[in-house]
Amino acid sequence: MGMRTKTRCVRDASNSRSKRVMEKCGFVFDRIERDVPCELMGDMRDERFACLTQSGWVEGLLT
């Protein structure tokens, strides 16, 4: 079984606090998806995806 080389996370585009936490963890912007249905809130939202590569994670450990 091989190791994953990239981890992704997603947040509501308007959630600036989540953005900051993701940045502190070393995640970088990957893409945005517009008008994604949010069943819990009953509306449409923009979602921002970020990723953390294995090499980025290792670099973060070294700094």
Protein backbone atom coordinates (compact mmCIF):
# COMPACT_ATOMS: atom_id res chain seq x y z
CA MET A 1 0.00 0.00 0.00
CA GLY A 2 1.48 3.36 -1.04
CA MET A 3 1.55 6.60 0.90
CA ARG A 4 -0.66 9.50 -0.06
CA THR A 5 1.29 12.45 -1.35
CA LYS A 6 -1.43 15.09 -1.02
CA THR A 7 -4.09 15.90 1.57
CA ARG A 8 -7.05 18.14 0.74
CA CYS A 9 -9.49 20.08 2.86
CA VAL A 10 -12.43 22.31 2.04
CA ARG A 11 -14.09 25.30 3.66
CA ASP A 12 -16.92 27.73 2.99
CA ALA A 13 -15.39 30.58 0.97
CA SER A 14 -16.71 33.17 3.44
CA ASN A 15 -15.14 31.52 6.51
CA SER A 16 -11.97 33.55 7.07
CA ARG A 17 -11.15 31.85 10.38
CA SER A 18 -11.00 28.44 8.72
CA LYS A 19 -8.82 29.95 6.01
CA ARG A 20 -6.33 31.14 8.61
CA VAL A 21 -6.21 27.75 10.37
CA MET A 22 -5.61 26.00 7.05
CA GLU A 23 -2.79 28.42 6.19
CA LYS A 24 -1.17 27.90 9.61
CA CYS A 25 -1.22 24.16 8.98
CA GLY A 26 0.58 24.64 5.65
CA PHE A 27 -2.33 24.13 3.25
CA VAL A 28 -2.28 26.16 0.03
CA PHE A 29 -5.13 27.18 -2.27
CA ASP A 30 -6.05 24.53 -4.84
CA ARG A 31 -9.39 25.51 -6.42
CA ILE A 32 -12.85 26.99 -5.82
CA GLU A 33 -16.20 25.40 -6.63
CA ARG A 34 -19.11 27.79 -7.01
CA ASP A 35 -22.74 27.27 -6.00
CA VAL A 36 -22.38 23.99 -4.13
CA PRO A 37 -25.59 22.94 -2.35
CA CYS A 38 -25.36 23.10 1.46
CA GLU A 39 -28.07 20.75 2.73
CA LEU A 40 -27.64 21.76 6.37
CA MET A 41 -28.27 25.46 5.69
CA GLY A 42 -30.58 24.96 2.71
CA ASP A 43 -28.65 27.28 0.39
CA MET A 44 -25.82 27.39 -2.14
CA ARG A 45 -22.23 28.16 -1.13
CA ASP A 46 -18.85 28.64 -2.72
CA GLU A 47 -16.28 26.15 -1.43
CA ARG A 48 -12.52 26.70 -1.44
CA PHE A 49 -10.26 23.67 -1.58
CA ALA A 50 -6.72 23.65 -0.26
CA CYS A 51 -4.05 20.98 -0.30
CA LEU A 52 -0.95 20.00 1.61
CA THR A 53 1.67 17.97 -0.21
CA GLN A 54 3.95 15.51 1.50
CA SER A 55 6.95 17.70 0.67
CA GLY A 56 5.14 20.79 2.03
CA TRP A 57 4.39 18.96 5.26
CA VAL A 58 8.02 17.89 5.65
CA GLU A 59 9.18 21.48 4.96
CA GLY A 60 6.82 22.71 7.70
CA LEU A 61 8.38 20.28 10.17
CA LEU A 62 11.84 21.60 9.38
CA THR A 63 11.01 25.29 9.95
